[in-house]
Protein backbone atom coordinates (compact mmCIF):
# COMPACT_ATOMS: atom_id res chain seq x y z
CA UNK A 1 97.28 174.64 58.29
CA UNK A 2 100.39 175.61 56.36
CA UNK A 3 101.72 179.12 56.63
CA UNK A 4 101.40 181.18 53.47
CA UNK A 5 104.66 181.40 51.62
CA UNK A 6 105.85 182.63 48.29
CA UNK A 7 107.10 180.20 45.72
CA UNK A 8 108.14 180.59 42.13
CA UNK A 9 104.98 178.86 40.90
CA UNK A 10 102.56 181.45 42.30
CA UNK A 11 99.93 182.41 39.79
CA UNK A 12 101.54 180.33 37.05
CA UNK A 13 100.78 176.68 37.77
CA UNK A 14 97.39 174.98 37.68
CA UNK A 15 96.50 172.00 39.83
CA UNK A 16 93.28 170.13 39.07
CA UNK A 17 92.01 168.49 42.28
CA UNK A 18 89.46 165.75 41.62
CA UNK A 19 87.90 164.35 44.79
CA UNK A 20 84.27 163.41 45.45
CA UNK A 21 84.52 164.02 49.21
CA UNK A 22 83.73 167.75 49.35
CA UNK A 23 85.45 168.54 52.67
CA UNK A 24 88.61 166.70 51.72
CA UNK A 25 88.67 168.36 48.29
CA UNK A 26 88.23 171.82 49.86
CA UNK A 27 90.93 171.16 52.45
CA UNK A 28 93.48 169.99 49.85
CA UNK A 29 92.59 172.87 47.53
CA UNK A 30 93.07 175.42 50.31
CA UNK A 31 96.50 174.00 51.21
CA UNK A 32 97.59 174.19 47.58
CA UNK A 33 96.29 177.76 47.26
CA UNK A 34 98.15 178.69 50.44
CA UNK A 35 101.29 177.41 48.70
CA UNK A 36 100.60 179.92 45.91
CA UNK A 37 99.15 177.61 43.28
CA UNK A 38 96.07 178.08 41.09
CA UNK A 39 93.61 175.33 41.96
CA UNK A 40 90.65 174.01 40.04
CA UNK A 41 88.28 171.75 41.97
CA UNK A 42 86.13 168.99 40.47
CA UNK A 43 83.75 166.64 42.28
CA UNK A 44 84.26 163.84 39.78
CA UNK A 45 86.20 162.85 36.68
CA UNK A 46 83.39 163.92 34.35
CA UNK A 47 83.47 167.49 35.73
CA UNK A 48 87.26 167.52 35.46
CA UNK A 49 87.14 166.31 31.86
CA UNK A 50 84.57 169.01 30.98
CA UNK A 51 86.91 171.66 32.37
CA UNK A 52 89.89 170.41 30.34
CA UNK A 53 87.83 169.84 27.18
CA UNK A 54 86.72 173.48 27.40
CA UNK A 55 90.37 174.54 27.27
CA UNK A 56 91.10 174.89 30.97
CA UNK A 57 94.82 174.77 31.81
CA UNK A 58 96.28 171.97 33.95
CA UNK A 59 99.89 171.34 34.97
CA UNK A 60 99.29 168.70 37.66
CA UNK A 61 96.33 166.40 38.21
CA UNK A 62 95.66 165.26 41.78
CA UNK A 63 92.87 162.68 41.61
CA UNK A 64 91.22 160.08 43.79
CA UNK A 65 90.78 156.66 42.19
CA UNK A 66 87.24 155.85 43.36
CA UNK A 67 84.49 158.33 42.53
CA UNK A 68 81.05 158.38 40.98
CA UNK A 69 80.54 159.03 37.29
CA UNK A 70 81.50 157.45 34.00
CA UNK A 71 85.21 157.16 34.82
CA UNK A 72 87.48 156.83 37.82
CA UNK A 73 90.63 158.82 38.58
CA UNK A 74 92.94 156.44 36.69
CA UNK A 75 90.70 156.56 33.61
CA UNK A 76 90.69 160.36 33.80
CA UNK A 77 94.47 160.49 34.17
CA UNK A 78 94.98 158.29 31.10
CA UNK A 79 92.55 160.37 29.06
CA UNK A 80 94.27 163.61 30.07
CA UNK A 81 97.78 162.24 29.45
CA UNK A 82 96.71 161.15 25.96
CA UNK A 83 95.78 164.78 25.36
CA UNK A 84 98.83 166.30 27.11
CA UNK A 85 101.72 163.87 27.59
CA UNK A 86 103.67 166.28 29.85
CA UNK A 87 100.85 166.42 32.40
CA UNK A 88 102.01 165.22 35.81
CA UNK A 89 99.59 162.97 37.67
CA UNK A 90 99.35 162.21 41.38
CA UNK A 91 96.81 159.53 42.26
CA UNK A 92 95.33 158.98 45.71
CA UNK A 93 93.15 156.31 47.25
CA UNK A 94 92.13 154.81 50.56
CA UNK A 95 92.55 151.38 48.95
CA UNK A 96 95.70 149.63 47.81
CA UNK A 97 97.46 151.35 44.94
CA UNK A 98 96.15 149.97 41.65
CA UNK A 99 98.79 148.54 39.31
CA UNK A 100 98.08 151.35 36.85
CA UNK A 101 99.51 154.04 39.14
CA UNK A 102 103.06 153.12 38.13
CA UNK A 103 102.28 155.01 34.90
CA UNK A 104 102.04 158.25 36.88
CA UNK A 105 104.28 160.48 39.00
CA UNK A 106 103.12 159.42 42.45
CA UNK A 107 100.58 157.61 44.57
CA UNK A 108 99.51 159.02 47.94
CA UNK A 109 97.62 156.64 50.21
CA UNK A 110 94.76 158.07 52.27
CA UNK A 111 94.93 159.36 54.86
CA UNK A 112 97.66 161.75 53.78
CA UNK A 113 98.93 164.96 55.29
CA UNK A 114 98.30 168.23 53.45
CA UNK A 115 102.04 168.91 53.57
CA UNK A 116 102.63 165.68 51.65
CA UNK A 117 100.19 166.71 48.91
CA UNK A 118 101.80 170.13 48.55
CA UNK A 119 105.29 168.58 48.51
CA UNK A 120 104.28 166.06 45.82
CA UNK A 121 102.75 168.77 43.63
CA UNK A 122 105.73 171.11 44.01
CA UNK A 123 108.13 168.25 43.24
CA UNK A 124 106.16 167.49 40.09
CA UNK A 125 106.29 171.13 39.01
CA UNK A 126 110.03 171.41 39.70
CA UNK A 127 110.83 168.29 37.71
CA UNK A 128 108.64 169.49 34.87
CA UNK A 129 110.81 172.60 34.61
CA UNK A 130 114.07 170.79 35.22
CA UNK A 131 114.27 172.38 38.68
CA UNK A 132 114.76 175.85 37.24
CA UNK A 133 111.94 177.72 38.98
């Protein structure tokens, strides 16, 4: 478990975590919250899309590729980027990285360490702001 620490993104940045494995989703979400980020959890891409379509804010999408529902994580990422081009996307999977992930910020292979997820999200947020925060 990471130690709680202050960062300049606290309370300002929204990470949408889309993972159908409930324990893994909760663990990743807790690590991101410990890093001071606002986290929205979704069990599948359809739930995530409903959140965004209702006007929910998202700065970074962290999504698994394979999940139940009408779309997978890559489909969700494309749909969200069409709506908000500046959205940063980090894709994860226990399988080989699909060719489509080169369109996004990063790919994290499962299993991954929580520290790696937090580092990838914070890197995405820093680059979004030009490293100014």
